[in-house]
Amino acid sequence: MKFQYSEKKVKLPGNVHAYAEKKVMKLARYFEEDAEALVVFSVEKNRNKVELTVHGAGTWFRASESTSDMFASIDSAVSTIEGQIRKNKTRLARRLKQDA
């Protein structure tokens, strides 16, 4: 999985990037090797915001979470994307089952 990081109005230490990469790598099992993840960190009105976009297998998944802690925002965004992937996976399986 390829990673791209972007920071708006904030300069973050490297450990935040490492934490985000570790958490997003959990999603790699749902995709092939060519998946890409774009993580945008920003601060708005004392809220730490993380926008996570994952592209793989011809599908885009996007989540935006805002909390008082950057690490909690990362966790929330990853769990949101995981739910979206699970939802689409079961939807696709049902559709294939009905066609057969």
Protein backbone atom coordinates (compact mmCIF):
# COMPACT_ATOMS: atom_id res chain seq x y z
CA MET A 1 0.00 0.00 0.00
CA LYS A 2 1.31 3.42 -0.97
CA PHE A 3 0.91 6.35 1.42
CA GLN A 4 0.67 10.10 0.86
CA TYR A 5 0.51 12.56 3.70
CA SER A 6 -0.64 16.15 3.63
CA GLU A 7 -0.75 18.68 6.46
CA LYS A 8 -2.91 21.80 6.46
CA LYS A 9 -2.24 24.55 8.99
CA VAL A 10 -0.30 22.15 11.22
CA LYS A 11 3.17 20.62 11.45
CA LEU A 12 3.14 17.14 12.96
CA PRO A 13 5.98 15.00 14.30
CA GLY A 14 6.93 11.79 12.51
CA ASN A 15 5.36 9.53 15.14
CA VAL A 16 1.86 10.66 14.05
CA HIS A 17 2.65 9.60 10.47
CA ALA A 18 4.02 6.26 11.71
CA TYR A 19 0.90 5.69 13.83
CA ALA A 20 -1.38 6.49 10.88
CA GLU A 21 0.57 4.15 8.61
CA LYS A 22 0.37 1.35 11.18
CA LYS A 23 -3.39 1.75 11.56
CA VAL A 24 -4.14 2.10 7.84
CA MET A 25 -2.06 -1.01 7.08
CA LYS A 26 -4.89 -2.99 8.74
CA LEU A 27 -6.94 -2.16 5.64
CA ALA A 28 -4.32 -3.62 3.29
CA ARG A 29 -5.78 -7.11 3.67
CA TYR A 30 -8.90 -5.97 1.80
CA PHE A 31 -6.91 -4.71 -1.20
CA GLU A 32 -4.23 -5.89 -3.56
CA GLU A 33 -0.73 -4.43 -3.67
CA ASP A 34 -1.67 -1.42 -5.80
CA ALA A 35 -3.86 0.29 -3.18
CA GLU A 36 -3.20 3.92 -2.28
CA ALA A 37 -3.96 5.82 0.91
CA LEU A 38 -4.10 9.61 1.19
CA VAL A 39 -4.11 10.99 4.73
CA VAL A 40 -4.77 14.71 5.28
CA PHE A 41 -4.15 16.17 8.74
CA SER A 42 -5.54 19.57 9.70
CA VAL A 43 -6.54 21.65 12.69
CA GLU A 44 -9.77 23.66 12.66
CA LYS A 45 -11.02 25.52 15.71
CA ASN A 46 -8.91 23.47 18.12
CA ARG A 47 -10.22 20.21 16.62
CA ASN A 48 -7.83 17.73 15.07
CA LYS A 49 -9.21 16.56 11.76
CA VAL A 50 -8.13 13.56 9.70
CA GLU A 51 -9.37 12.90 6.19
CA LEU A 52 -8.58 9.42 4.95
CA THR A 53 -9.05 8.36 1.33
CA VAL A 54 -8.27 4.81 0.23
CA HIS A 55 -8.29 3.78 -3.42
CA GLY A 56 -7.97 0.18 -4.45
CA ALA A 57 -9.61 -2.38 -6.71
CA GLY A 58 -11.32 0.39 -8.66
CA THR A 59 -13.18 1.65 -5.59
CA TRP A 60 -12.77 4.79 -3.49
CA PHE A 61 -13.44 4.91 0.25
CA ARG A 62 -13.37 8.19 2.14
CA ALA A 63 -13.75 9.14 5.79
CA SER A 64 -13.36 12.42 7.65
CA GLU A 65 -13.17 12.46 11.44
CA SER A 66 -12.61 15.31 13.87
CA THR A 67 -11.83 14.94 17.58
CA SER A 68 -9.74 16.71 20.19
CA ASP A 69 -6.90 14.17 19.76
CA MET A 70 -5.14 13.41 16.46
CA PHE A 71 -4.60 9.75 17.34
CA ALA A 72 -8.30 9.28 18.16
CA SER A 73 -9.20 10.92 14.84
CA ILE A 74 -6.98 8.43 13.01
CA ASP A 75 -8.59 5.50 14.83
CA SER A 76 -12.11 6.77 14.02
CA ALA A 77 -11.33 7.30 10.35
CA VAL A 78 -9.84 3.80 9.98
CA SER A 79 -12.85 2.17 11.67
CA THR A 80 -15.23 4.15 9.43
CA ILE A 81 -13.40 2.98 6.29
CA GLU A 82 -13.41 -0.59 7.61
CA GLY A 83 -17.19 -0.42 8.03
CA GLN A 84 -17.62 0.94 4.50
CA ILE A 85 -15.49 -1.87 3.08
CA ARG A 86 -17.42 -4.50 5.03
CA LYS A 87 -20.75 -3.03 3.88
CA ASN A 88 -19.73 -2.99 0.21
CA LYS A 89 -18.26 -6.47 0.46
CA THR A 90 -21.52 -7.98 1.73
CA ARG A 91 -23.54 -5.96 -0.79
CA LEU A 92 -21.42 -7.28 -3.66
CA ALA A 93 -21.67 -10.84 -2.34
CA ARG A 94 -25.49 -10.59 -2.16
CA ARG A 95 -25.68 -9.19 -5.68
CA LEU A 96 -23.52 -12.00 -7.06
CA LYS A 97 -25.60 -14.58 -5.21
CA GLN A 98 -28.87 -13.21 -6.68
CA ASP A 99 -27.49 -13.26 -10.23
CA ALA A 100 -26.38 -16.88 -9.96
